[in-house]
Amino acid sequence: MNAQQVEDIFDFYGLSPIYNQFRYRFEVFGLFDSISTELLEDFLDTYTIEALTFQEFHFLFLSFKHIYAQLPFAHHYSN
């Protein structure tokens, strides 16, 4: 997923301030490089992230991604 898609999704969820705060770290870590938009949307639908530090967000997102990939009924989100 490219940076504009990530920014648009955060904006849709009313989380532009969070995106702007973590934008550089998202890019450096490549956190969203190899995922689909559906995974990020499901994550943002599931969790309230406004009060998280980047480290907490990073851990929670990677945990969510890993667990979802293991569930037999979940979609597989890699591109």
Protein backbone atom coordinates (compact mmCIF):
# COMPACT_ATOMS: atom_id res chain seq x y z
CA MET A 1 0.00 0.00 0.00
CA ASN A 2 1.39 3.42 -0.81
CA ALA A 3 1.59 6.42 1.52
CA GLN A 4 -1.35 8.20 -0.11
CA GLN A 5 -3.62 5.18 0.41
CA VAL A 6 -2.59 4.98 4.07
CA GLU A 7 -3.19 8.70 4.54
CA ASP A 8 -6.62 8.43 2.88
CA ILE A 9 -7.66 5.56 5.16
CA PHE A 10 -6.55 7.39 8.31
CA ASP A 11 -8.40 10.49 7.06
CA PHE A 12 -11.57 8.45 6.42
CA TYR A 13 -11.47 7.22 10.04
CA GLY A 14 -10.91 10.76 11.36
CA LEU A 15 -7.35 9.90 12.38
CA SER A 16 -5.38 12.39 10.29
CA PRO A 17 -3.62 13.79 13.40
CA ILE A 18 -2.40 10.28 14.28
CA TYR A 19 -1.21 9.69 10.73
CA ASN A 20 0.63 13.02 10.67
CA GLN A 21 2.21 12.29 14.05
CA PHE A 22 3.47 8.83 12.99
CA ARG A 23 3.92 9.34 9.22
CA TYR A 24 7.71 9.28 9.24
CA ARG A 25 7.85 6.17 11.44
CA PHE A 26 5.29 4.38 9.27
CA GLU A 27 7.50 4.98 6.25
CA VAL A 28 10.79 4.09 7.98
CA PHE A 29 9.40 0.84 9.39
CA GLY A 30 7.50 0.02 6.19
CA LEU A 31 4.60 -0.96 8.40
CA PHE A 32 2.00 -0.88 5.61
CA ASP A 33 4.17 -1.75 2.61
CA SER A 34 2.97 -5.32 2.10
CA ILE A 35 -0.62 -5.29 3.32
CA SER A 36 -3.97 -4.68 1.74
CA THR A 37 -6.22 -1.77 2.54
CA GLU A 38 -8.71 -4.19 4.12
CA LEU A 39 -6.27 -5.18 6.86
CA LEU A 40 -5.65 -1.58 7.89
CA GLU A 41 -9.37 -0.81 7.74
CA ASP A 42 -10.22 -3.87 9.88
CA PHE A 43 -7.54 -2.87 12.38
CA LEU A 44 -8.88 0.69 12.64
CA ASP A 45 -12.44 -0.65 12.96
CA THR A 46 -11.34 -2.90 15.83
CA TYR A 47 -9.13 -0.67 17.97
CA THR A 48 -9.19 2.83 19.40
CA ILE A 49 -5.72 4.15 18.71
CA GLU A 50 -5.90 7.84 19.63
CA ALA A 51 -4.03 7.49 22.94
CA LEU A 52 -1.33 5.06 21.80
CA THR A 53 2.36 5.76 21.46
CA PHE A 54 3.98 4.66 18.22
CA GLN A 55 5.55 1.68 20.00
CA GLU A 56 2.15 0.57 21.28
CA PHE A 57 0.56 1.10 17.86
CA HIS A 58 3.37 -0.84 16.15
CA PHE A 59 3.10 -3.80 18.55
CA LEU A 60 -0.70 -3.89 18.40
CA PHE A 61 -0.80 -3.68 14.60
CA LEU A 62 1.80 -6.41 14.09
CA SER A 63 0.00 -8.63 16.63
CA PHE A 64 -3.32 -8.02 14.85
CA LYS A 65 -1.76 -8.82 11.48
CA HIS A 66 -0.19 -12.04 12.76
CA ILE A 67 -3.30 -13.30 14.55
CA TYR A 68 -5.55 -12.55 11.59
CA ALA A 69 -3.28 -14.50 9.28
CA GLN A 70 -3.64 -17.52 11.59
CA LEU A 71 -7.43 -17.55 11.79
CA PRO A 72 -9.05 -20.06 9.42
CA PHE A 73 -11.99 -17.76 8.64
CA ALA A 74 -9.97 -14.57 8.17
CA HIS A 75 -8.93 -13.13 4.87
CA HIS A 76 -5.29 -13.33 3.95
CA TYR A 77 -4.07 -9.78 3.67
CA SER A 78 -0.74 -9.96 1.91
CA ASN A 79 -0.53 -8.52 -1.56
